[in-house]
Protein backbone atom coordinates (compact mmCIF):
# COMPACT_ATOMS: atom_id res chain seq x y z
CA UNK A 1 244.46 16.48 118.68
CA UNK A 2 245.90 19.34 116.59
CA UNK A 3 246.36 16.62 114.10
CA UNK A 4 242.81 14.87 114.31
CA UNK A 5 241.31 18.51 113.90
CA UNK A 6 243.36 19.12 110.93
CA UNK A 7 242.56 15.33 109.24
CA UNK A 8 238.97 16.31 110.23
CA UNK A 9 239.08 19.86 108.44
CA UNK A 10 240.67 18.12 105.42
CA UNK A 11 238.82 15.33 105.30
CA UNK A 12 235.28 17.98 105.21
CA UNK A 13 237.06 19.85 102.70
CA UNK A 14 237.66 16.82 100.33
CA UNK A 15 234.30 15.39 101.24
CA UNK A 16 232.51 19.11 100.17
CA UNK A 17 235.06 19.22 96.96
CA UNK A 18 233.59 16.04 96.33
CA UNK A 19 230.12 16.75 96.31
CA UNK A 20 231.13 19.86 94.42
CA UNK A 21 232.49 17.82 91.77
CA UNK A 22 229.56 15.62 91.67
CA UNK A 23 227.02 18.43 91.56
CA UNK A 24 229.14 19.71 88.53
CA UNK A 25 228.95 16.52 86.82
CA UNK A 26 225.43 15.90 87.53
CA UNK A 27 225.07 19.63 85.86
CA UNK A 28 227.00 18.68 83.03
CA UNK A 29 224.84 15.45 82.51
CA UNK A 30 221.49 17.32 83.23
CA UNK A 31 222.92 19.51 79.68
CA UNK A 32 224.50 17.08 77.91
CA UNK A 33 221.63 16.34 75.71
CA UNK A 34 218.88 18.99 74.49
CA UNK A 35 215.60 18.47 72.97
CA UNK A 36 215.24 21.21 70.29
CA UNK A 37 212.78 21.85 67.25
CA UNK A 38 213.95 21.72 64.02
CA UNK A 39 214.29 25.41 63.50
CA UNK A 40 216.16 25.67 66.29
CA UNK A 41 219.13 23.97 65.11
CA UNK A 42 222.53 25.44 63.80
CA UNK A 43 225.32 24.00 61.84
CA UNK A 44 227.66 22.14 64.34
CA UNK A 45 225.02 20.63 66.34
CA UNK A 46 225.41 17.07 66.66
CA UNK A 47 221.93 15.25 66.06
CA UNK A 48 221.52 12.11 68.66
CA UNK A 49 218.23 11.30 68.19
CA UNK A 50 214.72 11.81 66.09
CA UNK A 51 211.37 11.95 67.21
CA UNK A 52 210.83 9.10 64.94
CA UNK A 53 212.69 5.84 64.09
CA UNK A 54 215.59 6.50 62.00
CA UNK A 55 214.46 3.56 59.78
CA UNK A 56 212.72 5.02 56.58
CA UNK A 57 214.94 8.45 56.94
CA UNK A 58 217.83 8.74 54.43
CA UNK A 59 220.44 8.72 57.27
CA UNK A 60 222.09 5.55 57.67
CA UNK A 61 224.31 6.38 60.76
CA UNK A 62 221.98 7.04 64.08
CA UNK A 63 223.86 10.36 64.68
CA UNK A 64 225.06 13.38 62.71
CA UNK A 65 226.84 16.44 62.65
CA UNK A 66 224.82 19.40 60.53
CA UNK A 67 227.62 21.24 58.65
CA UNK A 68 225.47 23.67 56.58
CA UNK A 69 221.85 25.03 56.45
CA UNK A 70 220.95 22.57 53.79
CA UNK A 71 221.01 19.66 56.42
CA UNK A 72 218.44 21.46 58.49
CA UNK A 73 216.33 21.68 55.59
CA UNK A 74 216.75 18.19 54.38
CA UNK A 75 215.80 17.01 58.20
CA UNK A 76 212.69 19.16 58.33
CA UNK A 77 211.44 16.71 56.01
CA UNK A 78 211.20 14.14 58.25
CA UNK A 79 211.10 15.20 61.48
CA UNK A 80 209.86 18.27 63.99
CA UNK A 81 211.87 17.67 66.83
CA UNK A 82 215.37 16.04 67.31
CA UNK A 83 217.81 15.44 70.30
CA UNK A 84 220.99 17.24 70.44
CA UNK A 85 224.27 15.69 72.21
CA UNK A 86 226.57 18.47 73.47
CA UNK A 87 229.65 16.94 73.91
CA UNK A 88 229.61 15.75 70.34
CA UNK A 89 228.53 18.98 69.18
CA UNK A 90 231.33 21.72 67.75
CA UNK A 91 233.04 23.60 70.32
CA UNK A 92 231.40 27.38 69.03
CA UNK A 93 227.75 26.12 69.64
CA UNK A 94 228.25 24.58 73.32
CA UNK A 95 227.04 28.06 74.70
CA UNK A 96 223.93 28.33 72.96
CA UNK A 97 223.28 24.67 74.15
CA UNK A 98 224.15 25.03 77.96
CA UNK A 99 221.73 27.79 78.28
CA UNK A 100 219.15 26.43 80.87
CA UNK A 101 215.65 25.77 79.44
CA UNK A 102 212.93 27.75 80.67
CA UNK A 103 210.76 25.60 83.67
CA UNK A 104 207.89 24.36 82.38
CA UNK A 105 204.63 26.06 83.15
CA UNK A 106 202.58 24.14 85.49
CA UNK A 107 198.71 24.04 84.93
CA UNK A 108 195.68 22.55 86.72
CA UNK A 109 195.29 19.74 84.15
CA UNK A 110 198.37 18.45 82.51
CA UNK A 111 199.00 17.15 79.25
CA UNK A 112 198.36 13.13 78.76
CA UNK A 113 201.39 11.61 77.89
CA UNK A 114 201.92 10.85 74.17
CA UNK A 115 200.20 7.55 73.07
CA UNK A 116 202.80 4.27 72.90
CA UNK A 117 203.91 3.78 69.18
CA UNK A 118 202.44 1.30 67.32
CA UNK A 119 204.42 -1.96 66.69
CA UNK A 120 205.52 -1.74 62.85
CA UNK A 121 202.98 -3.94 60.52
CA UNK A 122 204.46 -7.01 58.89
CA UNK A 123 203.63 -8.61 55.62
CA UNK A 124 201.38 -11.59 57.44
CA UNK A 125 202.07 -15.47 56.33
CA UNK A 126 201.27 -15.55 53.07
CA UNK A 127 200.44 -19.48 52.43
CA UNK A 128 197.71 -19.02 55.73
CA UNK A 129 196.48 -16.35 53.64
CA UNK A 130 196.03 -17.70 50.57
CA UNK A 131 194.31 -20.86 52.67
CA UNK A 132 192.02 -18.45 54.77
CA UNK A 133 191.22 -15.35 52.47
CA UNK A 134 189.15 -12.62 53.98
CA UNK A 135 185.46 -13.66 53.45
CA UNK A 136 182.97 -11.72 51.16
CA UNK A 137 180.60 -10.56 53.56
CA UNK A 138 177.98 -8.78 50.53
CA UNK A 139 177.36 -9.44 46.96
CA UNK A 140 178.64 -6.95 44.60
CA UNK A 141 174.71 -5.93 43.68
CA UNK A 142 173.89 -5.69 47.41
CA UNK A 143 177.09 -3.84 47.96
CA UNK A 144 176.65 -1.04 45.29
CA UNK A 145 173.93 1.37 47.10
CA UNK A 146 176.54 1.59 49.56
CA UNK A 147 179.80 2.05 47.56
CA UNK A 148 178.11 4.31 45.85
CA UNK A 149 176.96 6.58 48.58
CA UNK A 150 181.00 5.83 50.05
CA UNK A 151 182.73 6.93 46.59
CA UNK A 152 180.80 10.12 46.29
CA UNK A 153 181.41 11.19 49.77
CA UNK A 154 185.17 10.57 49.45
CA UNK A 155 184.86 12.04 45.60
CA UNK A 156 183.35 15.40 47.38
CA UNK A 157 185.47 15.20 49.94
CA UNK A 158 189.03 15.26 47.99
CA UNK A 159 187.76 17.65 45.76
CA UNK A 160 186.94 20.25 48.44
CA UNK A 161 190.58 19.59 49.72
CA UNK A 162 192.33 19.91 46.72
CA UNK A 163 190.71 23.40 46.17
CA UNK A 164 190.79 24.45 49.56
CA UNK A 165 194.64 23.71 49.28
CA UNK A 166 194.99 25.23 45.93
CA UNK A 167 193.59 28.45 47.64
CA UNK A 168 196.28 28.32 50.12
CA UNK A 169 193.98 26.91 52.87
CA UNK A 170 195.09 24.19 55.49
CA UNK A 171 194.82 20.46 55.02
CA UNK A 172 191.66 19.13 57.17
CA UNK A 173 192.91 15.40 58.19
CA UNK A 174 189.90 15.12 60.21
CA UNK A 175 187.81 15.55 57.37
CA UNK A 176 190.00 13.39 55.09
CA UNK A 177 189.78 10.44 58.09
CA UNK A 178 186.00 11.24 57.94
CA UNK A 179 185.34 10.66 54.42
CA UNK A 180 187.60 7.47 53.95
CA UNK A 181 185.88 5.45 57.07
CA UNK A 182 182.66 4.42 54.17
CA UNK A 183 184.97 3.55 51.82
CA UNK A 184 186.69 1.16 54.34
CA UNK A 185 183.65 -0.33 55.36
CA UNK A 186 182.30 -0.85 52.16
CA UNK A 187 185.74 -2.42 50.65
CA UNK A 188 185.84 -4.73 54.10
CA UNK A 189 182.62 -6.35 52.90
CA UNK A 190 182.91 -6.17 48.87
CA UNK A 191 185.57 -4.46 47.45
CA UNK A 192 184.37 -5.15 43.88
CA UNK A 193 181.42 -2.88 44.16
CA UNK A 194 183.63 0.04 44.74
CA UNK A 195 185.91 -0.76 41.88
CA UNK A 196 182.94 -1.32 39.52
CA UNK A 197 181.47 1.94 40.39
CA UNK A 198 185.14 4.06 40.23
CA UNK A 199 184.98 2.29 36.52
CA UNK A 200 182.07 4.45 35.91
CA UNK A 201 183.00 7.46 37.27
CA UNK A 202 184.06 10.60 35.12
CA UNK A 203 187.07 11.80 36.13
CA UNK A 204 187.90 15.85 37.11
CA UNK A 205 191.62 15.38 36.94
CA UNK A 206 194.40 13.57 37.64
CA UNK A 207 195.17 14.76 41.15
CA UNK A 208 191.91 14.53 42.26
CA UNK A 209 191.04 11.13 40.67
CA UNK A 210 193.97 9.86 41.66
CA UNK A 211 193.78 10.31 45.27
CA UNK A 212 190.28 8.65 45.02
CA UNK A 213 191.80 5.66 43.53
CA UNK A 214 194.63 5.22 45.76
CA UNK A 215 192.58 5.58 48.91
CA UNK A 216 190.55 2.32 47.50
CA UNK A 217 193.23 0.60 45.98
CA UNK A 218 195.16 0.85 49.40
CA UNK A 219 192.31 -0.43 51.25
CA UNK A 220 191.64 -3.02 49.31
CA UNK A 221 195.12 -4.37 49.41
CA UNK A 222 195.46 -3.88 53.15
CA UNK A 223 192.02 -6.19 53.04
CA UNK A 224 193.76 -8.64 50.80
CA UNK A 225 196.81 -8.68 53.08
CA UNK A 226 194.68 -9.28 55.89
CA UNK A 227 195.66 -6.29 57.97
CA UNK A 228 193.38 -5.13 60.70
CA UNK A 229 190.81 -2.43 59.90
CA UNK A 230 192.68 0.13 61.46
CA UNK A 231 195.48 -0.35 59.22
CA UNK A 232 192.79 -0.26 56.58
CA UNK A 233 192.38 3.40 57.61
CA UNK A 234 195.96 4.49 57.74
CA UNK A 235 196.07 3.13 54.05
CA UNK A 236 193.10 4.40 52.85
CA UNK A 237 194.10 7.88 54.45
CA UNK A 238 197.61 8.29 53.30
CA UNK A 239 196.62 7.10 49.81
CA UNK A 240 194.10 10.64 49.88
CA UNK A 241 196.91 12.32 50.83
CA UNK A 242 199.79 11.06 48.53
CA UNK A 243 200.29 13.44 45.99
CA UNK A 244 198.46 16.77 48.35
CA UNK A 245 201.71 18.62 47.29
CA UNK A 246 201.31 19.11 43.96
CA UNK A 247 198.59 21.61 44.75
CA UNK A 248 201.63 23.58 45.85
CA UNK A 249 203.19 23.20 42.40
CA UNK A 250 202.20 25.31 38.40
CA UNK A 251 199.55 23.90 36.88
CA UNK A 252 201.68 24.23 33.70
CA UNK A 253 204.15 21.59 35.27
CA UNK A 254 201.74 18.92 36.07
CA UNK A 255 199.90 19.54 32.74
CA UNK A 256 203.04 19.26 30.40
CA UNK A 257 202.74 17.03 27.82
CA UNK A 258 206.52 16.32 27.10
CA UNK A 259 209.12 14.91 28.34
CA UNK A 260 210.47 17.26 31.65
CA UNK A 261 213.36 19.05 31.76
CA UNK A 262 216.06 18.15 34.80
CA UNK A 263 214.82 21.35 36.45
CA UNK A 264 211.16 20.64 35.99
CA UNK A 265 212.04 17.03 37.16
CA UNK A 266 213.45 18.44 40.08
CA UNK A 267 210.35 20.56 40.64
CA UNK A 268 207.92 17.95 40.45
CA UNK A 269 209.63 15.60 42.68
CA UNK A 270 209.82 18.70 45.55
CA UNK A 271 205.84 18.12 45.63
CA UNK A 272 207.19 15.46 48.65
CA UNK A 273 208.27 18.09 50.67
CA UNK A 274 205.16 20.21 50.25
CA UNK A 275 202.92 17.17 51.39
CA UNK A 276 204.89 16.91 54.46
CA UNK A 277 204.76 20.58 55.13
CA UNK A 278 201.16 20.34 54.83
CA UNK A 279 200.30 16.85 56.85
CA UNK A 280 202.61 18.34 59.74
CA UNK A 281 201.04 21.85 59.44
CA UNK A 282 197.73 20.06 59.67
CA UNK A 283 198.52 19.00 63.26
CA UNK A 284 198.35 15.32 62.37
CA UNK A 285 200.39 13.09 64.38
CA UNK A 286 199.95 9.61 62.55
CA UNK A 287 203.50 8.52 61.84
CA UNK A 288 202.41 5.54 59.50
CA UNK A 289 200.44 8.09 57.20
CA UNK A 290 203.45 10.27 57.18
CA UNK A 291 205.84 7.49 56.38
CA UNK A 292 203.51 6.52 53.38
CA UNK A 293 203.70 10.01 51.98
CA UNK A 294 207.22 10.24 52.35
CA UNK A 295 208.45 7.04 51.03
CA UNK A 296 205.97 5.97 48.14
CA UNK A 297 208.64 6.96 45.23
CA UNK A 298 211.44 4.65 46.79
CA UNK A 299 211.93 1.79 44.85
CA UNK A 300 213.31 -1.40 46.06
CA UNK A 301 216.66 -1.39 43.83
CA UNK A 302 217.50 2.24 45.45
CA UNK A 303 216.47 4.05 42.21
CA UNK A 304 213.29 6.26 43.93
CA UNK A 305 213.65 9.28 45.83
CA UNK A 306 213.99 11.38 48.07
CA UNK A 307 216.91 8.76 49.87
CA UNK A 308 217.48 6.23 47.34
CA UNK A 309 216.23 3.49 50.43
CA UNK A 310 216.37 0.17 49.15
CA UNK A 311 214.60 -3.20 49.99
CA UNK A 312 213.69 -3.25 53.99
CA UNK A 313 214.68 0.39 54.36
CA UNK A 314 211.74 1.28 52.80
CA UNK A 315 208.71 1.01 55.49
CA UNK A 316 206.27 -1.96 54.14
CA UNK A 317 203.27 0.25 54.00
CA UNK A 318 205.52 2.49 51.81
CA UNK A 319 206.32 -0.53 49.73
CA UNK A 320 202.28 -1.33 49.23
CA UNK A 321 202.13 2.74 48.64
CA UNK A 322 204.50 2.86 45.87
CA UNK A 323 203.07 -0.42 43.94
CA UNK A 324 199.15 1.13 44.49
CA UNK A 325 200.87 4.82 43.19
CA UNK A 326 202.47 3.54 40.22
CA UNK A 327 199.41 0.89 39.24
CA UNK A 328 197.28 3.98 39.18
CA UNK A 329 199.22 6.18 37.05
CA UNK A 330 200.01 3.83 34.47
CA UNK A 331 196.17 3.14 34.08
CA UNK A 332 195.24 6.78 33.91
CA UNK A 333 194.92 9.57 31.19
CA UNK A 334 198.13 11.79 31.04
CA UNK A 335 198.81 14.91 28.77
CA UNK A 336 202.20 12.75 27.54
CA UNK A 337 200.72 9.32 27.18
CA UNK A 338 197.61 7.65 26.66
CA UNK A 339 196.65 5.12 29.50
CA UNK A 340 197.70 1.28 29.67
CA UNK A 341 194.52 -1.24 30.39
CA UNK A 342 194.64 -2.87 34.14
CA UNK A 343 195.24 -6.20 32.24
CA UNK A 344 198.41 -3.97 30.58
CA UNK A 345 199.63 -2.50 33.98
CA UNK A 346 199.34 -5.77 35.81
CA UNK A 347 201.73 -6.93 33.55
CA UNK A 348 203.96 -3.80 34.04
CA UNK A 349 204.16 -4.33 37.31
CA UNK A 350 204.74 -7.85 37.35
CA UNK A 351 207.80 -6.97 35.13
CA UNK A 352 209.67 -4.55 37.77
CA UNK A 353 209.23 -7.07 40.53
CA UNK A 354 212.85 -7.19 42.31
CA UNK A 355 213.67 -4.32 40.81
CA UNK A 356 211.11 -1.56 41.59
CA UNK A 357 209.14 -3.55 43.57
CA UNK A 358 208.90 -6.09 46.40
CA UNK A 359 208.41 -9.34 44.39
CA UNK A 360 206.12 -11.07 46.61
CA UNK A 361 204.03 -7.63 47.09
CA UNK A 362 203.55 -7.60 43.64
CA UNK A 363 202.52 -10.66 43.13
CA UNK A 364 199.80 -10.59 46.22
CA UNK A 365 198.69 -6.98 44.12
CA UNK A 366 197.80 -9.12 41.39
CA UNK A 367 195.99 -11.61 43.41
CA UNK A 368 194.24 -8.96 45.11
CA UNK A 369 192.82 -7.25 42.25
CA UNK A 370 193.03 -10.00 40.22
CA UNK A 371 194.94 -10.74 36.72
CA UNK A 372 191.84 -8.68 34.87
CA UNK A 373 190.95 -6.63 37.75
CA UNK A 374 187.34 -5.09 38.12
CA UNK A 375 186.53 -2.79 35.35
CA UNK A 376 188.70 -4.26 32.73
CA UNK A 377 187.64 -4.55 28.97
CA UNK A 378 188.64 -8.15 27.84
CA UNK A 379 187.91 -10.58 24.73
CA UNK A 380 186.60 -13.86 25.56
CA UNK A 381 187.61 -17.07 24.15
CA UNK A 382 184.47 -16.77 22.08
CA UNK A 383 185.38 -13.49 20.36
CA UNK A 384 182.74 -11.67 22.46
CA UNK A 385 183.73 -8.00 24.48
CA UNK A 386 183.04 -7.92 28.13
CA UNK A 387 183.72 -5.82 31.11
CA UNK A 388 185.14 -7.67 34.45
CA UNK A 389 182.36 -6.47 37.23
CA UNK A 390 183.49 -9.21 40.37
CA UNK A 391 186.52 -11.23 41.13
CA UNK A 392 186.61 -15.00 41.57
CA UNK A 393 188.85 -15.36 44.95
CA UNK A 394 189.69 -18.65 44.02
CA UNK A 395 190.02 -19.03 40.18
CA UNK A 396 191.06 -15.28 39.43
CA UNK A 397 191.17 -15.98 35.66
CA UNK A 398 187.71 -16.79 35.85
CA UNK A 399 186.02 -13.59 37.10
CA UNK A 400 182.31 -12.62 36.40
CA UNK A 401 181.86 -10.47 33.43
CA UNK A 402 179.21 -8.15 31.76
CA UNK A 403 178.91 -9.23 27.91
CA UNK A 404 179.15 -6.11 25.94
CA UNK A 405 179.08 -7.20 22.29
CA UNK A 406 178.41 -10.51 20.33
CA UNK A 407 181.47 -12.35 18.69
CA UNK A 408 181.39 -9.99 15.91
CA UNK A 409 181.93 -7.04 18.07
CA UNK A 410 178.47 -5.73 17.62
CA UNK A 411 177.07 -4.34 20.28
CA UNK A 412 174.46 -6.32 22.41
CA UNK A 413 171.14 -4.78 22.63
CA UNK A 414 171.13 -5.56 26.33
CA UNK A 415 174.26 -6.52 28.16
CA UNK A 416 174.10 -10.12 29.52
CA UNK A 417 175.98 -10.79 33.15
CA UNK A 418 178.08 -14.24 32.88
CA UNK A 419 180.04 -16.06 35.47
CA UNK A 420 183.07 -17.50 33.75
CA UNK A 421 183.57 -20.32 36.30
CA UNK A 422 180.48 -22.01 35.62
CA UNK A 423 180.01 -21.26 31.63
CA UNK A 424 181.08 -23.71 28.70
CA UNK A 425 180.93 -22.71 25.08
CA UNK A 426 178.00 -23.96 23.11
CA UNK A 427 179.94 -24.47 20.57
CA UNK A 428 182.98 -26.76 21.25
CA UNK A 429 181.69 -27.41 25.00
CA UNK A 430 184.81 -25.54 26.17
CA UNK A 431 185.02 -23.77 29.63
CA UNK A 432 184.90 -19.80 28.14
CA UNK A 433 187.90 -17.85 29.16
CA UNK A 434 189.64 -14.71 28.77
CA UNK A 435 191.71 -14.48 25.80
CA UNK A 436 193.44 -11.17 26.09
CA UNK A 437 193.30 -7.80 28.12
CA UNK A 438 191.57 -4.79 26.00
CA UNK A 439 192.79 -1.04 26.35
CA UNK A 440 189.75 1.44 27.33
CA UNK A 441 187.94 2.26 24.27
CA UNK A 442 188.42 -0.55 22.31
CA UNK A 443 185.52 -1.13 19.78
CA UNK A 444 184.17 2.29 21.15
CA UNK A 445 183.47 0.75 24.39
CA UNK A 446 183.33 3.08 27.19
CA UNK A 447 181.84 2.18 30.41
CA UNK A 448 181.27 5.58 31.42
CA UNK A 449 179.14 6.06 28.55
CA UNK A 450 177.45 2.88 28.65
CA UNK A 451 175.95 2.56 32.00
CA UNK A 452 175.92 6.29 33.39
């Protein structure tokens, strides 16, 4: 009996020890990982998860050890919070990590669960896209009044946002989203109306005009690729915000008219960090828009920045934004060079497909805007000069144009519309075509002066 009692006591003790060990193991599992704000991180901590996908960040391995404050500063460009693995962290930070977190405050109305992350967009089947393009819902002349209102609204919004940020204010993303909505709606109906009016618009500085142009081009490209309206809003919003961080840079740097020194180039590239800081501080939480801001300077061959991503490492919308951003930069007047014609910019993009830009996306961008985009000055096979006013979705080389001069390059008294799909030369009975694209201002022709 004594032996049985001893055995019982020993069994009880063994069970108690097992329970204690289990509790200890459970406690260790509870403190194995800690979620921290990036500002709470310290060298020696091991980051095991981000508050976003690893794709689109410069971290090639899913997990890394923070070695110095510079690592924390770099991480802040991509995340607001991370998960730290205690066991993989250096022992000298274990004590800080194993402090129990404060109990969450209980409220009468708990916050709603976070919205599920949307599935990433993918390029649609291009053969089906060519066979079934998105229909034009309004004629250019009918859409112009609505497009004009949309352009004026987004003009005012962009000007106000840039002015507010330059004066130390906060980015109002809700105002941005409200301003881009009529732009998207107009472009869904007929993108040519917006681009025709944009050609006539007087520009008040590159940062401002670039934002408005990218907003429209991004929405139009997304429309062409068959993305849903929700995606078009994301694209347009990002287009307006791609370079907002430049408002934090010295005006003298932005207006520099020569080649930049390495230190100046590094400072210019810092606008990405400023853009993300402004976007995050606004309280906005659209990961798709944020990714576009972050990755629009990455390049297909890894020659871009900030992370030197290549190919599919760059999110799809980041690759789209890179093409749009580059195209508008090429066709804009800069302190250090004259603008390219839109035709020349298309040629430049096409030459860089497969190196700087994804080949099939470049080809679709050309299809979207046309070989001779709306607003391009062109010389016809008759010698006359015209401006492209609308695209032909089926025959891109034969758009609708407005005749500006006669064959001797003398300005016409009245400008005549011409649909190249249906026009033949009276001289040789051949279909009239575009001979070449012209630079803005050729033969003294400036659409802004001609039509405003």
